[in-house]
C-alpha atoms as a PDB file:
ATOM      1  CA  UNK A   1     -14.164  -6.162  12.834  1.00  0.00           C
ATOM      2  CA  UNK A   2     -11.204  -3.893  12.243  1.00  0.00           C
ATOM      3  CA  UNK A   3     -10.753  -0.861  14.434  1.00  0.00           C
ATOM      4  CA  UNK A   4     -11.031   2.578  12.906  1.00  0.00           C
ATOM      5  CA  UNK A   5      -8.448   3.796  10.406  1.00  0.00           C
ATOM      6  CA  UNK A   6      -7.459   7.454  10.649  1.00  0.00           C
ATOM      7  CA  UNK A   7      -5.868   9.265   7.711  1.00  0.00           C
ATOM      8  CA  UNK A   8      -3.753  12.271   8.685  1.00  0.00           C
ATOM      9  CA  UNK A   9      -0.724  14.282   7.546  1.00  0.00           C
ATOM     10  CA  UNK A  10       2.567  12.620   8.459  1.00  0.00           C
ATOM     11  CA  UNK A  11       4.704  14.165  11.180  1.00  0.00           C
ATOM     12  CA  UNK A  12       8.402  13.647  11.780  1.00  0.00           C
ATOM     13  CA  UNK A  13       7.740  10.977  14.399  1.00  0.00           C
ATOM     14  CA  UNK A  14       6.134   8.864  11.648  1.00  0.00           C
ATOM     15  CA  UNK A  15       9.091   8.931   9.246  1.00  0.00           C
ATOM     16  CA  UNK A  16      10.855   5.786  10.418  1.00  0.00           C
ATOM     17  CA  UNK A  17       7.614   3.773  10.287  1.00  0.00           C
ATOM     18  CA  UNK A  18       6.861   5.140   6.810  1.00  0.00           C
ATOM     19  CA  UNK A  19      10.334   4.151   5.596  1.00  0.00           C
ATOM     20  CA  UNK A  20       9.987   0.634   7.026  1.00  0.00           C
ATOM     21  CA  UNK A  21       6.500   0.081   5.588  1.00  0.00           C
ATOM     22  CA  UNK A  22       7.534   1.419   2.177  1.00  0.00           C
ATOM     23  CA  UNK A  23      10.553  -0.889   1.992  1.00  0.00           C
ATOM     24  CA  UNK A  24       8.638  -3.894   3.329  1.00  0.00           C
ATOM     25  CA  UNK A  25       5.794  -3.452   0.860  1.00  0.00           C
ATOM     26  CA  UNK A  26       8.051  -2.896  -2.164  1.00  0.00           C
ATOM     27  CA  UNK A  27      10.136  -5.940  -1.265  1.00  0.00           C
ATOM     28  CA  UNK A  28       7.036  -8.041  -0.545  1.00  0.00           C
ATOM     29  CA  UNK A  29       5.693  -7.102  -3.976  1.00  0.00           C
ATOM     30  CA  UNK A  30       8.888  -8.380  -5.540  1.00  0.00           C
ATOM     31  CA  UNK A  31       9.897  -5.078  -7.116  1.00  0.00           C
ATOM     32  CA  UNK A  32      13.398  -5.114  -5.731  1.00  0.00           C
ATOM     33  CA  UNK A  33      15.611  -7.856  -4.404  1.00  0.00           C
ATOM     34  CA  UNK A  34      16.837  -5.869  -1.431  1.00  0.00           C
ATOM     35  CA  UNK A  35      16.757  -2.479   0.252  1.00  0.00           C
ATOM     36  CA  UNK A  36      20.165  -1.454  -1.133  1.00  0.00           C
ATOM     37  CA  UNK A  37      18.858  -0.570  -4.596  1.00  0.00           C
ATOM     38  CA  UNK A  38      19.299   3.199  -5.259  1.00  0.00           C
ATOM     39  CA  UNK A  39      15.551   3.734  -5.637  1.00  0.00           C
ATOM     40  CA  UNK A  40      14.954   1.845  -2.390  1.00  0.00           C
ATOM     41  CA  UNK A  41      17.479   4.125  -0.707  1.00  0.00           C
ATOM     42  CA  UNK A  42      15.683   7.163  -2.085  1.00  0.00           C
ATOM     43  CA  UNK A  43      12.204   6.141  -0.940  1.00  0.00           C
ATOM     44  CA  UNK A  44      13.535   5.481   2.556  1.00  0.00           C
ATOM     45  CA  UNK A  45      14.576   9.134   2.886  1.00  0.00           C
ATOM     46  CA  UNK A  46      11.154  10.193   4.095  1.00  0.00           C
ATOM     47  CA  UNK A  47      12.401  13.514   5.497  1.00  0.00           C
ATOM     48  CA  UNK A  48      13.659  14.587   2.059  1.00  0.00           C
ATOM     49  CA  UNK A  49      10.345  13.547   0.513  1.00  0.00           C
ATOM     50  CA  UNK A  50       8.315  15.345   3.190  1.00  0.00           C
ATOM     51  CA  UNK A  51      10.238  18.560   2.489  1.00  0.00           C
ATOM     52  CA  UNK A  52       9.016  18.528  -1.128  1.00  0.00           C
ATOM     53  CA  UNK A  53       5.667  16.747  -1.047  1.00  0.00           C
ATOM     54  CA  UNK A  54       2.634  16.067   1.115  1.00  0.00           C
ATOM     55  CA  UNK A  55       2.758  12.723   2.911  1.00  0.00           C
ATOM     56  CA  UNK A  56      -0.224  11.214   4.670  1.00  0.00           C
ATOM     57  CA  UNK A  57      -0.363   8.188   6.935  1.00  0.00           C
ATOM     58  CA  UNK A  58      -3.038   5.650   7.748  1.00  0.00           C
ATOM     59  CA  UNK A  59      -3.138   4.925  11.442  1.00  0.00           C
ATOM     60  CA  UNK A  60      -4.914   2.197  13.399  1.00  0.00           C
ATOM     61  CA  UNK A  61      -4.674   1.813  17.148  1.00  0.00           C
ATOM     62  CA  UNK A  62      -1.980   4.532  17.176  1.00  0.00           C
ATOM     63  CA  UNK A  63       0.169   2.459  14.780  1.00  0.00           C
ATOM     64  CA  UNK A  64       1.102   3.759  11.358  1.00  0.00           C
ATOM     65  CA  UNK A  65      -0.041   1.039   8.940  1.00  0.00           C
ATOM     66  CA  UNK A  66       0.275   2.840   5.624  1.00  0.00           C
ATOM     67  CA  UNK A  67       1.342   5.956   3.812  1.00  0.00           C
ATOM     68  CA  UNK A  68       0.910   7.854   0.574  1.00  0.00           C
ATOM     69  CA  UNK A  69       2.596  10.830  -1.109  1.00  0.00           C
ATOM     70  CA  UNK A  70       0.560  13.540  -2.864  1.00  0.00           C
ATOM     71  CA  UNK A  71       1.756  15.942  -5.555  1.00  0.00           C
ATOM     72  CA  UNK A  72       0.370  18.499  -7.987  1.00  0.00           C
ATOM     73  CA  UNK A  73       1.689  19.127 -11.497  1.00  0.00           C
ATOM     74  CA  UNK A  74       5.056  20.849 -11.427  1.00  0.00           C
ATOM     75  CA  UNK A  75       5.948  19.712  -7.902  1.00  0.00           C
ATOM     76  CA  UNK A  76       9.108  17.616  -7.458  1.00  0.00           C
ATOM     77  CA  UNK A  77       7.239  14.386  -6.722  1.00  0.00           C
ATOM     78  CA  UNK A  78       4.766  14.682  -9.596  1.00  0.00           C
ATOM     79  CA  UNK A  79       5.619  12.129 -12.295  1.00  0.00           C
ATOM     80  CA  UNK A  80       2.527  12.262 -14.470  1.00  0.00           C
ATOM     81  CA  UNK A  81       0.103  14.848 -13.042  1.00  0.00           C
ATOM     82  CA  UNK A  82      -1.578  17.035 -15.620  1.00  0.00           C
ATOM     83  CA  UNK A  83      -2.568  20.572 -14.669  1.00  0.00           C
ATOM     84  CA  UNK A  84      -6.017  19.490 -13.501  1.00  0.00           C
ATOM     85  CA  UNK A  85      -4.886  16.461 -11.498  1.00  0.00           C
ATOM     86  CA  UNK A  86      -3.726  15.554  -8.027  1.00  0.00           C
ATOM     87  CA  UNK A  87      -1.293  12.655  -8.298  1.00  0.00           C
ATOM     88  CA  UNK A  88      -0.629  10.165  -5.573  1.00  0.00           C
ATOM     89  CA  UNK A  89       2.480   8.019  -5.339  1.00  0.00           C
ATOM     90  CA  UNK A  90       3.978   5.368  -3.101  1.00  0.00           C
ATOM     91  CA  UNK A  91       0.681   4.243  -1.646  1.00  0.00           C
ATOM     92  CA  UNK A  92       1.866   1.505   0.703  1.00  0.00           C
ATOM     93  CA  UNK A  93       0.316  -0.605   3.405  1.00  0.00           C
ATOM     94  CA  UNK A  94       2.314  -2.638   5.889  1.00  0.00           C
ATOM     95  CA  UNK A  95       2.410  -6.191   4.456  1.00  0.00           C
ATOM     96  CA  UNK A  96       1.508  -7.455   7.931  1.00  0.00           C
ATOM     97  CA  UNK A  97      -1.927  -5.792   7.652  1.00  0.00           C
ATOM     98  CA  UNK A  98      -2.599  -5.668   3.913  1.00  0.00           C
ATOM     99  CA  UNK A  99      -6.201  -6.262   2.804  1.00  0.00           C
ATOM    100  CA  UNK A 100      -7.420  -4.652   6.022  1.00  0.00           C
ATOM    101  CA  UNK A 101      -8.955  -1.570   4.430  1.00  0.00           C
ATOM    102  CA  UNK A 102      -6.093   0.870   4.988  1.00  0.00           C
ATOM    103  CA  UNK A 103      -5.327   1.226   1.277  1.00  0.00           C
ATOM    104  CA  UNK A 104      -8.945   1.859   0.403  1.00  0.00           C
ATOM    105  CA  UNK A 105      -9.303   4.333   3.275  1.00  0.00           C
ATOM    106  CA  UNK A 106      -6.310   6.313   1.955  1.00  0.00           C
ATOM    107  CA  UNK A 107      -7.640   6.335  -1.616  1.00  0.00           C
ATOM    108  CA  UNK A 108     -11.074   7.483  -0.435  1.00  0.00           C
ATOM    109  CA  UNK A 109      -9.497  10.242   1.688  1.00  0.00           C
ATOM    110  CA  UNK A 110      -7.419  11.406  -1.296  1.00  0.00           C
ATOM    111  CA  UNK A 111     -10.494  11.555  -3.537  1.00  0.00           C
ATOM    112  CA  UNK A 112     -12.453  13.444  -0.884  1.00  0.00           C
ATOM    113  CA  UNK A 113      -9.561  15.906  -0.394  1.00  0.00           C
ATOM    114  CA  UNK A 114      -9.219  16.422  -4.143  1.00  0.00           C
ATOM    115  CA  UNK A 115     -12.899  17.366  -4.506  1.00  0.00           C
ATOM    116  CA  UNK A 116     -12.112  20.456  -2.412  1.00  0.00           C
ATOM    117  CA  UNK A 117      -9.168  21.631  -4.535  1.00  0.00           C
ATOM    118  CA  UNK A 118      -9.751  24.517  -6.946  1.00  0.00           C
ATOM    119  CA  UNK A 119      -9.037  23.767 -10.576  1.00  0.00           C
ATOM    120  CA  UNK A 120      -8.443  20.067  -9.978  1.00  0.00           C
ATOM    121  CA  UNK A 121     -10.870  17.695 -11.671  1.00  0.00           C
ATOM    122  CA  UNK A 122      -9.115  14.350 -11.435  1.00  0.00           C
ATOM    123  CA  UNK A 123      -6.848  12.076  -9.447  1.00  0.00           C
ATOM    124  CA  UNK A 124      -4.040  10.221 -11.236  1.00  0.00           C
ATOM    125  CA  UNK A 125      -1.601   7.526 -10.233  1.00  0.00           C
ATOM    126  CA  UNK A 126       1.020   5.214 -11.645  1.00  0.00           C
ATOM    127  CA  UNK A 127       1.215   1.577 -10.629  1.00  0.00           C
ATOM    128  CA  UNK A 128       3.304  -1.422 -11.536  1.00  0.00           C
ATOM    129  CA  UNK A 129       2.066  -3.790 -14.214  1.00  0.00           C
ATOM    130  CA  UNK A 130       2.075  -6.790 -11.870  1.00  0.00           C
ATOM    131  CA  UNK A 131       0.520  -5.154  -8.788  1.00  0.00           C
ATOM    132  CA  UNK A 132      -2.752  -7.022  -9.126  1.00  0.00           C
ATOM    133  CA  UNK A 133      -4.060  -6.179  -5.665  1.00  0.00           C
ATOM    134  CA  UNK A 134      -3.446  -2.485  -6.325  1.00  0.00           C
ATOM    135  CA  UNK A 135      -5.234  -2.674  -9.679  1.00  0.00           C
ATOM    136  CA  UNK A 136      -8.228  -4.211  -7.929  1.00  0.00           C
ATOM    137  CA  UNK A 137      -8.277  -1.447  -5.334  1.00  0.00           C
ATOM    138  CA  UNK A 138      -8.106   1.292  -7.972  1.00  0.00           C
ATOM    139  CA  UNK A 139     -10.859  -0.263 -10.083  1.00  0.00           C
ATOM    140  CA  UNK A 140     -13.027  -0.703  -6.998  1.00  0.00           C
ATOM    141  CA  UNK A 141     -12.609   2.961  -6.086  1.00  0.00           C
ATOM    142  CA  UNK A 142     -13.602   4.155  -9.569  1.00  0.00           C
ATOM    143  CA  UNK A 143     -10.261   4.654 -11.315  1.00  0.00           C
ATOM    144  CA  UNK A 144      -9.952   3.924 -15.035  1.00  0.00           C
ATOM    145  CA  UNK A 145      -6.874   2.934 -17.022  1.00  0.00           C
ATOM    146  CA  UNK A 146      -5.415   5.578 -19.350  1.00  0.00           C
ATOM    147  CA  UNK A 147      -3.020   3.364 -21.326  1.00  0.00           C
ATOM    148  CA  UNK A 148      -1.898   6.152 -23.651  1.00  0.00           C
ATOM    149  CA  UNK A 149      -0.159   7.701 -20.625  1.00  0.00           C
ATOM    150  CA  UNK A 150       1.738   4.555 -19.545  1.00  0.00           C
ATOM    151  CA  UNK A 151       5.493   5.100 -19.283  1.00  0.00           C
ATOM    152  CA  UNK A 152       8.794   3.363 -18.628  1.00  0.00           C
ATOM    153  CA  UNK A 153      10.927   3.903 -15.539  1.00  0.00           C
ATOM    154  CA  UNK A 154      13.930   5.825 -16.940  1.00  0.00           C
ATOM    155  CA  UNK A 155      16.855   3.532 -17.631  1.00  0.00           C
ATOM    156  CA  UNK A 156      14.746   0.369 -17.369  1.00  0.00           C
ATOM    157  CA  UNK A 157      12.286  -1.688 -19.372  1.00  0.00           C
ATOM    158  CA  UNK A 158       9.792  -1.592 -16.492  1.00  0.00           C
ATOM    159  CA  UNK A 159       6.460  -0.324 -17.758  1.00  0.00           C
ATOM    160  CA  UNK A 160       4.253   1.621 -15.389  1.00  0.00           C
ATOM    161  CA  UNK A 161       0.501   1.868 -15.809  1.00  0.00           C
ATOM    162  CA  UNK A 162      -1.488   5.074 -15.364  1.00  0.00           C
ATOM    163  CA  UNK A 163      -4.952   5.294 -13.838  1.00  0.00           C
ATOM    164  CA  UNK A 164      -7.193   8.349 -13.506  1.00  0.00           C
ATOM    165  CA  UNK A 165     -10.416   9.109 -11.648  1.00  0.00           C
ATOM    166  CA  UNK A 166     -12.520  11.956 -13.041  1.00  0.00           C
ATOM    167  CA  UNK A 167     -14.245  13.971 -10.336  1.00  0.00           C
END
């Protein structure tokens, strides 16, 4: 039995753990060969991200085990959000504890939070084509593919897939 997972807004003391978990999970997923890639550098700058977006963490036994970034349309970290959507990005769980429920707990907390937002009727996200475990999580939590919104990472041939949950 896993101990309780708490989802809460990130504070500055969490930033180094968030950076480590984000890098570890992206590298474990095989997206990048090493942490020196420019995008990897960018996602490690958690303070810069926190200044422009909402970051939450998943915590178990006072350890940060995951994190996610939330954005509304027009905000700097929104890639795909339409006017009626909350978008979440960079949902990561420490590879050491993946498949322990932290990812699902974060998704469920996001959906619950979104239900209370005025004028927002859906949750949207982008995920990598090969992130099978993520696809399973999103399907399990009610998300549907919206393939007409798929897009390429600028300057690459890497296709990203879009999912949406209608509330």
